[in-house]
C-alpha atoms as a PDB file:
ATOM      1  CA  MET A   1     -16.472 -19.951  16.724  1.00  0.00           C
ATOM      2  CA  ASN A   2     -13.357 -20.600  14.717  1.00  0.00           C
ATOM      3  CA  ASP A   3     -11.933 -23.645  16.538  1.00  0.00           C
ATOM      4  CA  SER A   4      -8.543 -23.196  14.922  1.00  0.00           C
ATOM      5  CA  ILE A   5      -8.135 -19.675  16.306  1.00  0.00           C
ATOM      6  CA  LEU A   6      -9.450 -20.744  19.715  1.00  0.00           C
ATOM      7  CA  ASP A   7      -6.928 -23.590  19.850  1.00  0.00           C
ATOM      8  CA  GLN A   8      -4.133 -21.211  18.909  1.00  0.00           C
ATOM      9  CA  LEU A   9      -5.221 -18.734  21.585  1.00  0.00           C
ATOM     10  CA  LYS A  10      -5.238 -21.458  24.250  1.00  0.00           C
ATOM     11  CA  LYS A  11      -1.813 -22.755  23.238  1.00  0.00           C
ATOM     12  CA  TYR A  12      -0.456 -19.204  23.041  1.00  0.00           C
ATOM     13  CA  SER A  13      -1.708 -18.268  26.503  1.00  0.00           C
ATOM     14  CA  THR A  14      -0.456 -21.453  28.167  1.00  0.00           C
ATOM     15  CA  GLY A  15       2.937 -21.445  26.470  1.00  0.00           C
ATOM     16  CA  GLN A  16       2.267 -24.706  24.632  1.00  0.00           C
ATOM     17  CA  MET A  17       3.279 -23.407  21.202  1.00  0.00           C
ATOM     18  CA  SER A  18       6.531 -24.596  19.700  1.00  0.00           C
ATOM     19  CA  ALA A  19       9.090 -21.951  18.752  1.00  0.00           C
ATOM     20  CA  ALA A  20       8.073 -22.263  15.104  1.00  0.00           C
ATOM     21  CA  GLU A  21       4.344 -22.033  15.912  1.00  0.00           C
ATOM     22  CA  LEU A  22       4.914 -19.027  18.171  1.00  0.00           C
ATOM     23  CA  GLN A  23       6.921 -17.210  15.520  1.00  0.00           C
ATOM     24  CA  ALA A  24       4.318 -17.961  12.836  1.00  0.00           C
ATOM     25  CA  PHE A  25       1.425 -16.886  15.087  1.00  0.00           C
ATOM     26  CA  GLU A  26       2.999 -13.582  16.169  1.00  0.00           C
ATOM     27  CA  SER A  27       4.239 -12.874  12.655  1.00  0.00           C
ATOM     28  CA  ARG A  28       0.749 -13.359  11.262  1.00  0.00           C
ATOM     29  CA  LEU A  29      -0.710 -11.101  13.953  1.00  0.00           C
ATOM     30  CA  ALA A  30       1.714  -8.361  12.922  1.00  0.00           C
ATOM     31  CA  SER A  31       1.310  -8.755   9.169  1.00  0.00           C
ATOM     32  CA  ASP A  32      -2.317  -9.847   8.709  1.00  0.00           C
ATOM     33  CA  PRO A  33      -4.774  -7.213  10.021  1.00  0.00           C
ATOM     34  CA  GLU A  34      -7.812  -9.385   9.220  1.00  0.00           C
ATOM     35  CA  PHE A  35      -6.426 -12.308  11.239  1.00  0.00           C
ATOM     36  CA  ALA A  36      -5.480 -10.010  14.131  1.00  0.00           C
ATOM     37  CA  LYS A  37      -8.951  -8.475  14.053  1.00  0.00           C
ATOM     38  CA  GLU A  38     -10.622 -11.893  14.203  1.00  0.00           C
ATOM     39  CA  VAL A  39      -8.398 -13.036  17.062  1.00  0.00           C
ATOM     40  CA  ALA A  40      -9.024  -9.822  18.989  1.00  0.00           C
ATOM     41  CA  THR A  41     -12.763 -10.069  18.365  1.00  0.00           C
ATOM     42  CA  TRP A  42     -13.025 -13.509  19.897  1.00  0.00           C
ATOM     43  CA  ALA A  43     -10.751 -12.535  22.760  1.00  0.00           C
ATOM     44  CA  ALA A  44     -12.951  -9.505  23.428  1.00  0.00           C
ATOM     45  CA  ILE A  45     -16.069 -11.681  23.268  1.00  0.00           C
ATOM     46  CA  TYR A  46     -14.632 -13.917  25.955  1.00  0.00           C
ATOM     47  CA  THR A  47     -13.833 -10.861  28.039  1.00  0.00           C
ATOM     48  CA  GLY A  48     -17.425  -9.701  27.718  1.00  0.00           C
ATOM     49  CA  LEU A  49     -18.726 -13.155  28.580  1.00  0.00           C
ATOM     50  CA  GLU A  50     -16.575 -13.208  31.685  1.00  0.00           C
ATOM     51  CA  GLU A  51     -17.842  -9.824  32.833  1.00  0.00           C
ATOM     52  CA  GLU A  52     -21.441 -10.829  32.163  1.00  0.00           C
ATOM     53  CA  GLY A  53     -20.821 -14.137  33.911  1.00  0.00           C
ATOM     54  CA  ASP A  54     -19.503 -12.326  36.980  1.00  0.00           C
ATOM     55  CA  ARG A  55     -22.599 -10.120  37.082  1.00  0.00           C
ATOM     56  CA  GLN A  56     -24.889 -13.118  36.792  1.00  0.00           C
ATOM     57  CA  LEU A  57     -22.860 -14.966  39.409  1.00  0.00           C
ATOM     58  CA  ASP A  58     -23.200 -12.090  41.868  1.00  0.00           C
ATOM     59  CA  SER A  59     -26.950 -12.033  41.322  1.00  0.00           C
ATOM     60  CA  GLU A  60     -27.310 -15.796  41.712  1.00  0.00           C
ATOM     61  CA  LEU A  61     -25.123 -15.870  44.818  1.00  0.00           C
ATOM     62  CA  SER A  62     -27.176 -13.114  46.372  1.00  0.00           C
ATOM     63  CA  VAL A  63     -30.354 -15.146  45.877  1.00  0.00           C
ATOM     64  CA  LEU A  64     -28.599 -18.286  47.127  1.00  0.00           C
ATOM     65  CA  GLY A  65     -27.291 -16.461  50.176  1.00  0.00           C
ATOM     66  CA  ASN A  66     -30.685 -15.169  51.186  1.00  0.00           C
ATOM     67  CA  LYS A  67     -32.110 -18.650  50.787  1.00  0.00           C
ATOM     68  CA  LEU A  68     -29.375 -20.207  52.914  1.00  0.00           C
ATOM     69  CA  LEU A  69     -29.824 -17.608  55.618  1.00  0.00           C
ATOM     70  CA  GLU A  70     -33.531 -18.317  55.731  1.00  0.00           C
ATOM     71  CA  GLU A  71     -32.921 -22.066  55.976  1.00  0.00           C
ATOM     72  CA  SER A  72     -29.951 -22.209  58.364  1.00  0.00           C
ATOM     73  CA  GLY A  73     -29.724 -18.847  60.056  1.00  0.00           C
ATOM     74  CA  ASP A  74     -25.945 -19.400  60.140  1.00  0.00           C
ATOM     75  CA  GLU A  75     -23.988 -16.662  58.348  1.00  0.00           C
ATOM     76  CA  SER A  76     -20.704 -18.624  58.519  1.00  0.00           C
ATOM     77  CA  VAL A  77     -22.215 -21.451  56.461  1.00  0.00           C
ATOM     78  CA  PHE A  78     -23.385 -18.939  53.880  1.00  0.00           C
ATOM     79  CA  ALA A  79     -19.978 -17.286  53.664  1.00  0.00           C
ATOM     80  CA  ALA A  80     -18.198 -20.610  53.229  1.00  0.00           C
ATOM     81  CA  GLN A  81     -20.545 -21.773  50.471  1.00  0.00           C
ATOM     82  CA  VAL A  82     -20.363 -18.456  48.667  1.00  0.00           C
ATOM     83  CA  ASN A  83     -16.585 -18.450  48.739  1.00  0.00           C
ATOM     84  CA  GLN A  84     -16.409 -22.000  47.407  1.00  0.00           C
ATOM     85  CA  SER A  85     -18.897 -21.161  44.648  1.00  0.00           C
ATOM     86  CA  LYS A  86     -16.875 -18.130  43.586  1.00  0.00           C
ATOM     87  CA  ILE A  87     -13.677 -20.130  43.482  1.00  0.00           C
ATOM     88  CA  LYS A  88     -15.233 -22.840  41.314  1.00  0.00           C
ATOM     89  CA  ALA A  89     -16.869 -20.341  38.973  1.00  0.00           C
ATOM     90  CA  THR A  90     -13.704 -18.314  38.596  1.00  0.00           C
ATOM     91  CA  LYS A  91     -11.732 -21.359  37.542  1.00  0.00           C
ATOM     92  CA  THR A  92     -14.079 -21.932  34.609  1.00  0.00           C
ATOM     93  CA  ILE A  93     -13.324 -18.509  33.030  1.00  0.00           C
ATOM     94  CA  PRO A  94      -9.935 -18.110  31.263  1.00  0.00           C
ATOM     95  CA  ARG A  95      -8.333 -14.979  32.804  1.00  0.00           C
ATOM     96  CA  TRP A  96      -5.643 -14.805  30.116  1.00  0.00           C
ATOM     97  CA  VAL A  97      -8.300 -13.505  27.748  1.00  0.00           C
ATOM     98  CA  TYR A  98      -8.110 -10.034  29.327  1.00  0.00           C
ATOM     99  CA  GLY A  99      -4.441  -9.480  28.595  1.00  0.00           C
ATOM    100  CA  LEU A 100      -4.517 -11.011  25.139  1.00  0.00           C
ATOM    101  CA  ALA A 101      -7.605  -9.057  24.102  1.00  0.00           C
ATOM    102  CA  ALA A 102      -6.041  -5.807  25.258  1.00  0.00           C
ATOM    103  CA  THR A 103      -2.805  -6.540  23.417  1.00  0.00           C
ATOM    104  CA  LEU A 104      -4.483  -7.488  20.165  1.00  0.00           C
ATOM    105  CA  LEU A 105      -6.932  -4.606  20.237  1.00  0.00           C
ATOM    106  CA  LEU A 106      -4.018  -2.234  20.817  1.00  0.00           C
ATOM    107  CA  LEU A 107      -2.319  -3.782  17.800  1.00  0.00           C
ATOM    108  CA  LEU A 108      -5.410  -3.127  15.685  1.00  0.00           C
ATOM    109  CA  LEU A 109      -5.539   0.488  16.806  1.00  0.00           C
ATOM    110  CA  ALA A 110      -1.840   0.978  16.093  1.00  0.00           C
ATOM    111  CA  TRP A 111      -1.886  -0.669  12.658  1.00  0.00           C
ATOM    112  CA  PRO A 112      -3.401   2.286  10.702  1.00  0.00           C
ATOM    113  CA  ILE A 113      -0.960   4.643  12.434  1.00  0.00           C
ATOM    114  CA  TYR A 114       1.965   2.394  11.506  1.00  0.00           C
ATOM    115  CA  GLN A 115       0.819   2.285   7.886  1.00  0.00           C
ATOM    116  CA  ARG A 116       0.428   6.053   7.811  1.00  0.00           C
ATOM    117  CA  PHE A 117       3.976   6.703   8.986  1.00  0.00           C
ATOM    118  CA  SER A 118       5.586   3.882   6.998  1.00  0.00           C
ATOM    119  CA  GLU A 119       4.334   5.228   3.667  1.00  0.00           C
ATOM    120  CA  PRO A 120       4.952   8.644   2.116  1.00  0.00           C
ATOM    121  CA  ASP A 121       2.071  11.111   2.247  1.00  0.00           C
ATOM    122  CA  ILE A 122       0.004  10.868  -0.909  1.00  0.00           C
ATOM    123  CA  THR A 123      -0.992  14.176  -2.482  1.00  0.00           C
ATOM    124  CA  TYR A 124      -3.631  13.502  -5.110  1.00  0.00           C
ATOM    125  CA  ALA A 125      -3.469  15.466  -8.340  1.00  0.00           C
ATOM    126  CA  SER A 126      -5.038  15.607 -11.767  1.00  0.00           C
ATOM    127  CA  ALA A 127      -3.214  14.369 -14.860  1.00  0.00           C
ATOM    128  CA  GLY A 128      -2.592  17.947 -15.930  1.00  0.00           C
ATOM    129  CA  GLU A 129      -1.135  18.869 -12.541  1.00  0.00           C
ATOM    130  CA  LEU A 130       1.181  15.858 -12.560  1.00  0.00           C
ATOM    131  CA  TYR A 131       2.324  16.744 -16.071  1.00  0.00           C
ATOM    132  CA  GLU A 132       3.257  20.262 -14.978  1.00  0.00           C
ATOM    133  CA  THR A 133       5.084  18.896 -11.936  1.00  0.00           C
ATOM    134  CA  HIS A 134       7.094  16.165 -13.660  1.00  0.00           C
ATOM    135  CA  TYR A 135       7.709  17.429 -17.178  1.00  0.00           C
ATOM    136  CA  GLN A 136      11.259  18.501 -17.970  1.00  0.00           C
ATOM    137  CA  SER A 137      12.725  18.639 -21.452  1.00  0.00           C
ATOM    138  CA  MET A 138      15.298  15.949 -22.102  1.00  0.00           C
ATOM    139  CA  PRO A 139      18.794  17.333 -22.722  1.00  0.00           C
ATOM    140  CA  LEU A 140      21.012  16.123 -25.546  1.00  0.00           C
ATOM    141  CA  THR A 141      23.858  13.889 -24.477  1.00  0.00           C
ATOM    142  CA  LEU A 142      26.944  15.219 -26.213  1.00  0.00           C
ATOM    143  CA  THR A 143      30.711  14.979 -26.052  1.00  0.00           C
ATOM    144  CA  ARG A 144      33.239  17.658 -26.923  1.00  0.00           C
ATOM    145  CA  GLU A 145      34.003  15.907 -30.189  1.00  0.00           C
ATOM    146  CA  ASP A 146      30.400  15.888 -31.384  1.00  0.00           C
ATOM    147  CA  THR A 147      29.507  18.138 -34.275  1.00  0.00           C
ATOM    148  CA  LEU A 148      25.940  19.307 -33.796  1.00  0.00           C
ATOM    149  CA  ALA A 149      23.475  18.807 -36.612  1.00  0.00           C
ATOM    150  CA  ASP A 150      21.151  21.694 -37.358  1.00  0.00           C
ATOM    151  CA  TRP A 151      18.223  19.981 -35.661  1.00  0.00           C
ATOM    152  CA  GLN A 152      20.341  19.392 -32.542  1.00  0.00           C
ATOM    153  CA  LYS A 153      21.308  23.050 -32.387  1.00  0.00           C
ATOM    154  CA  ALA A 154      17.666  24.055 -32.682  1.00  0.00           C
ATOM    155  CA  TYR A 155      16.552  21.546 -30.040  1.00  0.00           C
ATOM    156  CA  GLN A 156      19.322  22.545 -27.641  1.00  0.00           C
ATOM    157  CA  GLN A 157      18.243  26.178 -27.943  1.00  0.00           C
ATOM    158  CA  ASN A 158      14.599  25.231 -27.288  1.00  0.00           C
ATOM    159  CA  ARG A 159      13.647  26.157 -30.854  1.00  0.00           C
ATOM    160  CA  TYR A 160      11.425  23.111 -31.124  1.00  0.00           C
ATOM    161  CA  LYS A 161       9.382  24.383 -34.072  1.00  0.00           C
ATOM    162  CA  ASP A 162      12.598  24.701 -36.072  1.00  0.00           C
ATOM    163  CA  ALA A 163      13.808  21.250 -35.023  1.00  0.00           C
ATOM    164  CA  ILE A 164      10.627  19.430 -36.148  1.00  0.00           C
ATOM    165  CA  PRO A 165      10.966  19.845 -39.956  1.00  0.00           C
ATOM    166  CA  LEU A 166      14.693  19.080 -39.754  1.00  0.00           C
ATOM    167  CA  LEU A 167      14.006  15.828 -37.899  1.00  0.00           C
ATOM    168  CA  ARG A 168      11.280  14.872 -40.372  1.00  0.00           C
ATOM    169  CA  LEU A 169      13.722  15.443 -43.211  1.00  0.00           C
ATOM    170  CA  LEU A 170      16.264  13.260 -41.429  1.00  0.00           C
ATOM    171  CA  LEU A 171      13.723  10.458 -40.967  1.00  0.00           C
ATOM    172  CA  SER A 172      12.789  10.571 -44.650  1.00  0.00           C
ATOM    173  CA  ASP A 173      16.299   9.326 -45.401  1.00  0.00           C
ATOM    174  CA  THR A 174      15.927   5.527 -45.441  1.00  0.00           C
ATOM    175  CA  SER A 175      19.672   5.110 -45.015  1.00  0.00           C
ATOM    176  CA  TYR A 176      19.675   6.885 -41.652  1.00  0.00           C
ATOM    177  CA  GLU A 177      20.763   4.331 -39.056  1.00  0.00           C
ATOM    178  CA  ARG A 178      19.185   5.761 -35.893  1.00  0.00           C
ATOM    179  CA  PRO A 179      15.464   6.237 -36.572  1.00  0.00           C
ATOM    180  CA  SER A 180      14.495   5.537 -32.932  1.00  0.00           C
ATOM    181  CA  TYR A 181      16.830   8.304 -31.783  1.00  0.00           C
ATOM    182  CA  ALA A 182      15.357  10.769 -34.287  1.00  0.00           C
ATOM    183  CA  ASN A 183      11.757   9.777 -33.479  1.00  0.00           C
ATOM    184  CA  LEU A 184      12.409  10.227 -29.771  1.00  0.00           C
ATOM    185  CA  PHE A 185      13.603  13.797 -30.274  1.00  0.00           C
ATOM    186  CA  LEU A 186      10.864  14.466 -32.798  1.00  0.00           C
ATOM    187  CA  GLY A 187       8.349  13.517 -30.108  1.00  0.00           C
ATOM    188  CA  LEU A 188      10.192  15.628 -27.541  1.00  0.00           C
ATOM    189  CA  SER A 189      10.133  18.586 -29.921  1.00  0.00           C
ATOM    190  CA  PHE A 190       6.387  18.218 -30.452  1.00  0.00           C
ATOM    191  CA  LEU A 191       5.886  17.979 -26.690  1.00  0.00           C
ATOM    192  CA  GLY A 192       8.000  21.102 -26.285  1.00  0.00           C
ATOM    193  CA  THR A 193       5.571  22.987 -28.519  1.00  0.00           C
ATOM    194  CA  GLY A 194       2.565  21.646 -26.597  1.00  0.00           C
ATOM    195  CA  ASP A 195       1.437  19.231 -29.337  1.00  0.00           C
ATOM    196  CA  ALA A 196       1.061  16.122 -27.168  1.00  0.00           C
ATOM    197  CA  ALA A 197      -0.903  14.100 -29.750  1.00  0.00           C
ATOM    198  CA  SER A 198       1.842  14.425 -32.384  1.00  0.00           C
ATOM    199  CA  ALA A 199       4.424  13.658 -29.705  1.00  0.00           C
ATOM    200  CA  ILE A 200       2.669  10.379 -28.887  1.00  0.00           C
ATOM    201  CA  ALA A 201       2.602   9.404 -32.571  1.00  0.00           C
ATOM    202  CA  ALA A 202       6.367   9.987 -32.801  1.00  0.00           C
ATOM    203  CA  PHE A 203       7.110   8.049 -29.594  1.00  0.00           C
ATOM    204  CA  GLU A 204       5.150   5.091 -30.974  1.00  0.00           C
ATOM    205  CA  GLN A 205       7.731   4.813 -33.757  1.00  0.00           C
ATOM    206  CA  VAL A 206      10.539   4.188 -31.265  1.00  0.00           C
ATOM    207  CA  ASN A 207      11.698   0.573 -31.284  1.00  0.00           C
ATOM    208  CA  PRO A 208      10.956  -1.139 -27.910  1.00  0.00           C
ATOM    209  CA  ASP A 209      14.312  -2.919 -28.175  1.00  0.00           C
ATOM    210  CA  SER A 210      16.242   0.307 -28.556  1.00  0.00           C
ATOM    211  CA  TYR A 211      18.073   2.343 -25.935  1.00  0.00           C
ATOM    212  CA  GLU A 212      15.609   5.180 -26.550  1.00  0.00           C
ATOM    213  CA  TRP A 213      12.531   3.142 -25.576  1.00  0.00           C
ATOM    214  CA  GLU A 214      12.868   3.827 -21.846  1.00  0.00           C
ATOM    215  CA  HIS A 215      12.750   7.575 -22.507  1.00  0.00           C
ATOM    216  CA  ALA A 216       9.918   7.169 -25.026  1.00  0.00           C
ATOM    217  CA  GLN A 217       7.850   5.347 -22.385  1.00  0.00           C
ATOM    218  CA  TRP A 218       8.315   8.102 -19.851  1.00  0.00           C
ATOM    219  CA  TYR A 219       7.513  10.970 -22.184  1.00  0.00           C
ATOM    220  CA  SER A 220       4.575   9.045 -23.654  1.00  0.00           C
ATOM    221  CA  THR A 221       3.200   8.895 -20.100  1.00  0.00           C
ATOM    222  CA  LEU A 222       3.547  12.650 -19.719  1.00  0.00           C
ATOM    223  CA  ALA A 223       2.064  13.265 -23.164  1.00  0.00           C
ATOM    224  CA  TYR A 224      -1.012  11.178 -22.297  1.00  0.00           C
ATOM    225  CA  MET A 225      -1.354  13.138 -19.057  1.00  0.00           C
ATOM    226  CA  LYS A 226      -1.281  16.371 -21.024  1.00  0.00           C
ATOM    227  CA  THR A 227      -4.087  15.118 -23.268  1.00  0.00           C
ATOM    228  CA  GLY A 228      -6.078  14.022 -20.207  1.00  0.00           C
ATOM    229  CA  ASN A 229      -5.995  10.322 -21.124  1.00  0.00           C
ATOM    230  CA  THR A 230      -5.483   8.979 -17.599  1.00  0.00           C
ATOM    231  CA  GLU A 231      -6.084   5.331 -18.541  1.00  0.00           C
ATOM    232  CA  LYS A 232      -3.204   5.271 -21.042  1.00  0.00           C
ATOM    233  CA  ALA A 233      -1.047   7.247 -18.619  1.00  0.00           C
ATOM    234  CA  LYS A 234      -1.733   4.673 -15.893  1.00  0.00           C
ATOM    235  CA  GLN A 235      -0.903   1.848 -18.294  1.00  0.00           C
ATOM    236  CA  PHE A 236       2.543   3.310 -18.932  1.00  0.00           C
ATOM    237  CA  LEU A 237       3.067   4.117 -15.240  1.00  0.00           C
ATOM    238  CA  ARG A 238       2.333   0.501 -14.299  1.00  0.00           C
ATOM    239  CA  GLU A 239       4.818  -0.763 -16.874  1.00  0.00           C
ATOM    240  CA  ILE A 240       7.527   1.651 -15.728  1.00  0.00           C
ATOM    241  CA  SER A 241       6.954   0.940 -12.014  1.00  0.00           C
ATOM    242  CA  LYS A 242       7.563  -2.779 -12.643  1.00  0.00           C
ATOM    243  CA  GLN A 243      10.935  -2.126 -14.294  1.00  0.00           C
ATOM    244  CA  LYS A 244      13.264  -2.333 -11.303  1.00  0.00           C
ATOM    245  CA  ASN A 245      16.266  -1.125 -13.282  1.00  0.00           C
ATOM    246  CA  ASN A 246      14.398   1.899 -14.577  1.00  0.00           C
ATOM    247  CA  PRO A 247      15.573   5.025 -12.692  1.00  0.00           C
ATOM    248  CA  ARG A 248      12.008   6.378 -12.846  1.00  0.00           C
ATOM    249  CA  SER A 249      10.412   3.254 -11.370  1.00  0.00           C
ATOM    250  CA  GLU A 250       9.734   4.721  -7.913  1.00  0.00           C
ATOM    251  CA  GLU A 251       8.609   8.037  -9.361  1.00  0.00           C
ATOM    252  CA  ALA A 252       6.131   6.212 -11.605  1.00  0.00           C
ATOM    253  CA  SER A 253       4.839   4.153  -8.674  1.00  0.00           C
ATOM    254  CA  LEU A 254       4.176   7.279  -6.613  1.00  0.00           C
ATOM    255  CA  MET A 255       2.509   9.051  -9.546  1.00  0.00           C
ATOM    256  CA  LEU A 256       0.246   6.047 -10.040  1.00  0.00           C
ATOM    257  CA  LYS A 257      -0.989   6.449  -6.456  1.00  0.00           C
ATOM    258  CA  GLN A 258      -1.386  10.208  -6.818  1.00  0.00           C
ATOM    259  CA  LEU A 259      -3.229  10.227 -10.119  1.00  0.00           C
ATOM    260  CA  LYS A 260      -6.906  11.077  -9.782  1.00  0.00           C
ATOM    261  CA  GLU A 261      -9.479   9.270 -11.887  1.00  0.00           C
END
């Protein structure tokens, strides 16, 4: 038997734990299912031993009683000896085991229910299904003063095939100062036409230190889902879920749980 757990059980039942020990013990019971299971197991074992001991005691006392009656013929002597034997035997079995075993076993039964209701229901889906559920085209962020370039007009009107050559022409200009911005929308335009592979290639050109990288990560994830590459999709989802300041962090974490192999 685990002496450490037995010692803790004895101290717990007799109120000998300090406030700090009591808090640590009960906290571990509530947060560590394996520990709670082990404690409950040994408590239940003791309960079983006590019940078996009582059965054996009854049998032994019956034999002893018959023997005493044969020898003395005095029923009062038999009754007195039996009562004293029961009292002594009962004192050797820790009665607190019953209550503690019941409490801990109830905790073990309740734990899966608690976990079920404390977490959102997980609906498993394929990569393709998750893509269809989560994909939305990214809108242009514009102000009233902005003059739309031809590619922006095409993109805004969902004419992605028209936007692609215009963006490529823009990126061929080495003096253009926002290549990450253009590559992001080039990838989005490809994704809008259903060409996920070309979209991924464009997103890979986005500078990780740029403002556009966060969006490139997200749409790369969706593009990999569309191609059926779940491993790469999971890789991006893990990265996004760890970024606490990323507005899609929780969404990525849930998708990671939902994504089928």
